[in-house]
N, C-alpha and C. Protein backbone atom coordinates (compact mmCIF):
# COMPACT_ATOMS: atom_id res chain seq x y z
N MET A 1 111.18 118.30 61.63
CA MET A 1 110.08 118.59 62.53
C MET A 1 110.62 119.40 63.71
N ASP A 2 109.89 120.44 64.09
CA ASP A 2 110.30 121.26 65.23
C ASP A 2 110.10 120.50 66.53
N ARG A 3 110.83 120.94 67.55
CA ARG A 3 110.79 120.28 68.85
C ARG A 3 110.23 121.25 69.88
N LEU A 4 109.22 120.81 70.63
CA LEU A 4 108.71 121.60 71.75
C LEU A 4 109.70 121.44 72.89
N HIS A 5 110.33 122.53 73.31
CA HIS A 5 111.37 122.48 74.32
C HIS A 5 110.81 122.52 75.74
N HIS A 6 109.92 123.48 75.99
CA HIS A 6 109.33 123.58 77.33
C HIS A 6 108.02 124.35 77.30
N VAL A 7 107.31 124.21 78.39
CA VAL A 7 106.11 125.01 78.67
C VAL A 7 106.45 125.83 79.91
N ALA A 8 106.13 127.12 79.87
CA ALA A 8 106.43 128.00 81.01
C ALA A 8 105.13 128.45 81.67
N ILE A 9 105.09 128.30 82.98
CA ILE A 9 103.93 128.74 83.75
C ILE A 9 104.37 129.78 84.77
N ALA A 10 103.47 130.71 85.07
CA ALA A 10 103.77 131.78 86.03
C ALA A 10 103.54 131.30 87.45
N VAL A 11 104.49 131.63 88.32
CA VAL A 11 104.39 131.33 89.75
C VAL A 11 104.81 132.59 90.52
N PRO A 12 104.30 132.79 91.74
CA PRO A 12 104.67 133.99 92.48
C PRO A 12 106.03 133.90 93.18
N ASP A 13 106.53 132.69 93.41
CA ASP A 13 107.78 132.50 94.14
C ASP A 13 108.51 131.29 93.57
N ILE A 14 109.69 131.51 93.00
CA ILE A 14 110.43 130.43 92.33
C ILE A 14 110.84 129.34 93.31
N ALA A 15 111.42 129.71 94.45
CA ALA A 15 111.89 128.71 95.41
C ALA A 15 110.74 127.85 95.93
N GLU A 16 109.63 128.49 96.26
CA GLU A 16 108.47 127.75 96.77
C GLU A 16 107.92 126.80 95.69
N ALA A 17 107.84 127.29 94.46
CA ALA A 17 107.33 126.45 93.37
C ALA A 17 108.28 125.29 93.09
N LEU A 18 109.59 125.54 93.13
CA LEU A 18 110.57 124.46 92.94
C LEU A 18 110.37 123.38 93.98
N ASP A 19 110.24 123.78 95.23
CA ASP A 19 110.03 122.80 96.30
C ASP A 19 108.77 121.98 96.04
N TRP A 20 107.68 122.64 95.68
CA TRP A 20 106.42 121.94 95.46
C TRP A 20 106.54 120.94 94.31
N TYR A 21 107.05 121.37 93.18
CA TYR A 21 107.14 120.47 92.02
C TYR A 21 108.11 119.32 92.27
N ARG A 22 109.23 119.59 92.95
CA ARG A 22 110.18 118.51 93.25
C ARG A 22 109.61 117.51 94.25
N ASN A 23 108.75 117.96 95.15
CA ASN A 23 108.12 117.05 96.11
C ASN A 23 106.98 116.25 95.50
N GLN A 24 106.33 116.78 94.49
CA GLN A 24 105.19 116.12 93.88
C GLN A 24 105.56 115.16 92.75
N PHE A 25 106.65 115.46 92.04
CA PHE A 25 107.00 114.73 90.83
C PHE A 25 108.47 114.35 90.82
N ASP A 26 108.79 113.33 90.04
CA ASP A 26 110.17 112.89 89.85
C ASP A 26 110.76 113.71 88.71
N VAL A 27 111.40 114.82 89.05
CA VAL A 27 111.94 115.76 88.07
C VAL A 27 113.38 116.10 88.43
N GLU A 28 114.10 116.61 87.44
CA GLU A 28 115.47 117.06 87.65
C GLU A 28 115.51 118.57 87.44
N THR A 29 116.16 119.29 88.34
CA THR A 29 116.33 120.73 88.18
C THR A 29 117.48 120.97 87.22
N MET A 30 117.17 121.58 86.07
CA MET A 30 118.17 121.84 85.04
C MET A 30 118.81 123.22 85.21
N TYR A 31 118.04 124.18 85.71
CA TYR A 31 118.53 125.55 85.87
C TYR A 31 117.64 126.27 86.87
N THR A 32 118.23 127.17 87.63
CA THR A 32 117.43 128.02 88.51
C THR A 32 118.17 129.32 88.80
N ASP A 33 117.41 130.41 88.87
CA ASP A 33 117.92 131.68 89.36
C ASP A 33 116.75 132.41 90.02
N ASP A 34 116.89 133.69 90.28
CA ASP A 34 115.85 134.43 91.01
C ASP A 34 114.57 134.63 90.22
N SER A 35 114.64 134.57 88.88
CA SER A 35 113.45 134.89 88.09
C SER A 35 112.83 133.71 87.35
N TRP A 36 113.54 132.57 87.30
CA TRP A 36 112.95 131.40 86.66
C TRP A 36 113.73 130.14 86.99
N ALA A 37 113.10 128.99 86.74
CA ALA A 37 113.74 127.69 86.93
C ALA A 37 113.24 126.75 85.84
N LEU A 38 114.07 125.76 85.51
CA LEU A 38 113.70 124.79 84.49
C LEU A 38 113.77 123.39 85.09
N LEU A 39 112.65 122.69 85.04
CA LEU A 39 112.55 121.32 85.54
C LEU A 39 112.42 120.37 84.36
N LYS A 40 113.17 119.29 84.39
CA LYS A 40 113.14 118.29 83.32
C LYS A 40 112.27 117.12 83.73
N PHE A 41 111.21 116.90 82.97
CA PHE A 41 110.42 115.68 83.06
C PHE A 41 110.98 114.73 82.02
N GLU A 42 110.51 113.49 81.98
CA GLU A 42 111.04 112.54 81.00
C GLU A 42 110.84 113.01 79.57
N ASN A 43 109.70 113.59 79.26
CA ASN A 43 109.40 113.90 77.87
C ASN A 43 109.38 115.39 77.52
N ILE A 44 109.46 116.28 78.49
CA ILE A 44 109.42 117.71 78.23
C ILE A 44 109.93 118.44 79.47
N SER A 45 110.25 119.71 79.31
CA SER A 45 110.67 120.52 80.44
C SER A 45 109.57 121.51 80.81
N LEU A 46 109.56 121.87 82.08
CA LEU A 46 108.62 122.85 82.61
C LEU A 46 109.42 124.01 83.18
N ALA A 47 109.14 125.21 82.68
CA ALA A 47 109.77 126.41 83.22
C ALA A 47 108.82 127.07 84.21
N LEU A 48 109.35 127.44 85.35
CA LEU A 48 108.61 128.19 86.35
C LEU A 48 109.11 129.62 86.26
N VAL A 49 108.22 130.56 85.97
CA VAL A 49 108.65 131.93 85.71
C VAL A 49 107.90 132.93 86.58
N LEU A 50 108.58 134.01 86.92
CA LEU A 50 107.91 135.13 87.57
C LEU A 50 107.22 135.93 86.48
N PRO A 51 105.94 136.20 86.61
CA PRO A 51 105.21 136.84 85.51
C PRO A 51 105.72 138.23 85.14
N GLU A 52 106.32 138.94 86.10
CA GLU A 52 106.85 140.27 85.79
C GLU A 52 108.20 140.19 85.06
N GLN A 53 108.81 139.02 85.00
CA GLN A 53 110.10 138.83 84.34
C GLN A 53 109.99 138.10 83.00
N HIS A 54 109.09 137.13 82.92
CA HIS A 54 108.95 136.29 81.72
C HIS A 54 107.46 136.00 81.51
N PRO A 55 107.00 136.04 80.28
CA PRO A 55 105.58 135.71 80.06
C PRO A 55 105.36 134.20 80.11
N PRO A 56 104.20 133.74 80.57
CA PRO A 56 103.88 132.33 80.39
C PRO A 56 103.90 132.05 78.89
N HIS A 57 104.47 130.91 78.49
CA HIS A 57 104.66 130.65 77.06
C HIS A 57 104.96 129.18 76.79
N ILE A 58 104.99 128.85 75.51
CA ILE A 58 105.58 127.59 75.07
C ILE A 58 106.86 127.95 74.33
N ALA A 59 107.83 127.05 74.34
CA ALA A 59 109.09 127.29 73.65
C ALA A 59 109.31 126.21 72.61
N VAL A 60 109.63 126.65 71.39
CA VAL A 60 109.85 125.76 70.27
C VAL A 60 111.28 125.96 69.78
N GLU A 61 111.98 124.86 69.51
CA GLU A 61 113.33 124.94 68.94
C GLU A 61 113.24 124.96 67.42
N ARG A 62 113.95 125.90 66.80
CA ARG A 62 114.00 126.01 65.35
C ARG A 62 115.42 126.31 64.92
N ALA A 63 115.86 125.67 63.85
CA ALA A 63 117.20 125.93 63.32
C ALA A 63 117.31 127.37 62.83
N ASN A 64 116.23 127.93 62.31
CA ASN A 64 116.25 129.29 61.76
C ASN A 64 115.59 130.29 62.70
N ALA A 65 115.80 130.15 63.98
CA ALA A 65 115.14 131.01 64.98
C ALA A 65 115.37 132.49 64.69
N GLU A 66 116.54 132.85 64.20
CA GLU A 66 116.85 134.25 63.94
C GLU A 66 115.97 134.85 62.85
N SER A 67 115.31 134.02 62.05
CA SER A 67 114.41 134.56 61.01
C SER A 67 113.16 135.19 61.63
N TYR A 68 112.91 134.97 62.91
CA TYR A 68 111.78 135.56 63.61
C TYR A 68 112.13 136.90 64.26
N GLY A 69 113.41 137.24 64.28
CA GLY A 69 113.86 138.48 64.89
C GLY A 69 115.20 138.28 65.55
N ALA A 70 115.74 139.35 66.10
CA ALA A 70 117.05 139.29 66.76
C ALA A 70 116.96 138.39 67.99
N LEU A 71 117.91 137.46 68.09
CA LEU A 71 117.94 136.55 69.23
C LEU A 71 118.58 137.23 70.44
N THR A 72 118.01 136.99 71.59
CA THR A 72 118.56 137.49 72.85
C THR A 72 119.27 136.35 73.56
N PRO A 73 120.57 136.52 73.89
CA PRO A 73 121.25 135.47 74.66
C PRO A 73 120.77 135.49 76.11
N HIS A 74 120.67 134.30 76.70
CA HIS A 74 120.19 134.16 78.07
C HIS A 74 121.30 133.60 78.97
N ARG A 75 121.13 133.78 80.28
CA ARG A 75 122.14 133.36 81.26
C ARG A 75 122.40 131.86 81.24
N ASP A 76 121.42 131.07 80.77
CA ASP A 76 121.61 129.62 80.74
C ASP A 76 122.30 129.14 79.47
N GLY A 77 122.73 130.06 78.60
CA GLY A 77 123.44 129.70 77.39
C GLY A 77 122.57 129.57 76.15
N THR A 78 121.26 129.68 76.31
CA THR A 78 120.36 129.61 75.15
C THR A 78 120.21 131.00 74.53
N ALA A 79 119.62 131.04 73.35
CA ALA A 79 119.30 132.30 72.68
C ALA A 79 117.92 132.15 72.06
N SER A 80 117.11 133.21 72.15
CA SER A 80 115.74 133.09 71.65
C SER A 80 115.14 134.45 71.34
N VAL A 81 113.97 134.39 70.72
CA VAL A 81 113.16 135.57 70.46
C VAL A 81 111.71 135.20 70.78
N TYR A 82 110.96 136.15 71.32
CA TYR A 82 109.55 135.92 71.63
C TYR A 82 108.68 136.49 70.53
N ILE A 83 107.65 135.72 70.15
CA ILE A 83 106.62 136.18 69.23
C ILE A 83 105.26 135.90 69.87
N ARG A 84 104.21 136.36 69.23
CA ARG A 84 102.85 136.03 69.68
C ARG A 84 102.09 135.44 68.52
N ASP A 85 101.27 134.44 68.82
CA ASP A 85 100.41 133.89 67.78
C ASP A 85 99.24 134.85 67.56
N PRO A 86 98.40 134.61 66.55
CA PRO A 86 97.30 135.54 66.28
C PRO A 86 96.33 135.72 67.44
N TRP A 87 96.35 134.85 68.43
CA TRP A 87 95.43 134.92 69.57
C TRP A 87 96.09 135.49 70.82
N GLY A 88 97.33 135.97 70.69
CA GLY A 88 98.01 136.63 71.78
C GLY A 88 98.87 135.76 72.67
N ASN A 89 98.97 134.47 72.36
CA ASN A 89 99.80 133.57 73.18
C ASN A 89 101.27 133.79 72.88
N ALA A 90 102.09 133.84 73.93
CA ALA A 90 103.53 134.03 73.77
C ALA A 90 104.18 132.71 73.38
N ILE A 91 105.08 132.80 72.39
CA ILE A 91 105.85 131.65 71.94
C ILE A 91 107.31 132.07 71.90
N GLU A 92 108.14 131.32 72.59
CA GLU A 92 109.58 131.56 72.57
C GLU A 92 110.17 130.69 71.47
N ILE A 93 110.84 131.32 70.51
CA ILE A 93 111.51 130.58 69.44
C ILE A 93 112.98 130.50 69.83
N MET A 94 113.45 129.28 70.13
CA MET A 94 114.82 129.06 70.59
C MET A 94 115.68 128.55 69.45
N LYS A 95 116.92 129.01 69.41
CA LYS A 95 117.88 128.48 68.44
C LYS A 95 118.07 127.01 68.74
N ALA A 96 117.91 126.15 67.74
CA ALA A 96 117.92 124.70 67.95
C ALA A 96 119.21 124.19 68.56
N ASP A 97 120.33 124.80 68.24
CA ASP A 97 121.59 124.32 68.80
C ASP A 97 121.98 125.05 70.07
N SER A 98 121.06 125.81 70.66
CA SER A 98 121.34 126.55 71.91
C SER A 98 121.43 125.59 73.07
């Protein structure tokens, strides 16, 4: 069974959004840079993204992620490829062992 890794939402300012989410919820900051941040909730992660850098999306881990296209390595050590469902929603397919 595939694993839903995170949901990504667009925010205008990463630092401001990090402050707000950390003040509102009991979360752990897993990664942050100028264009996105990853917050860990107990059951799923939430990515905060700048819309001009990353599309709002859901991310799914798959062992055969490369079958969807060439994987792009990311600064946080993961590798993924973006696809769209038939309705235009962005889906990030992440290598399961990333």
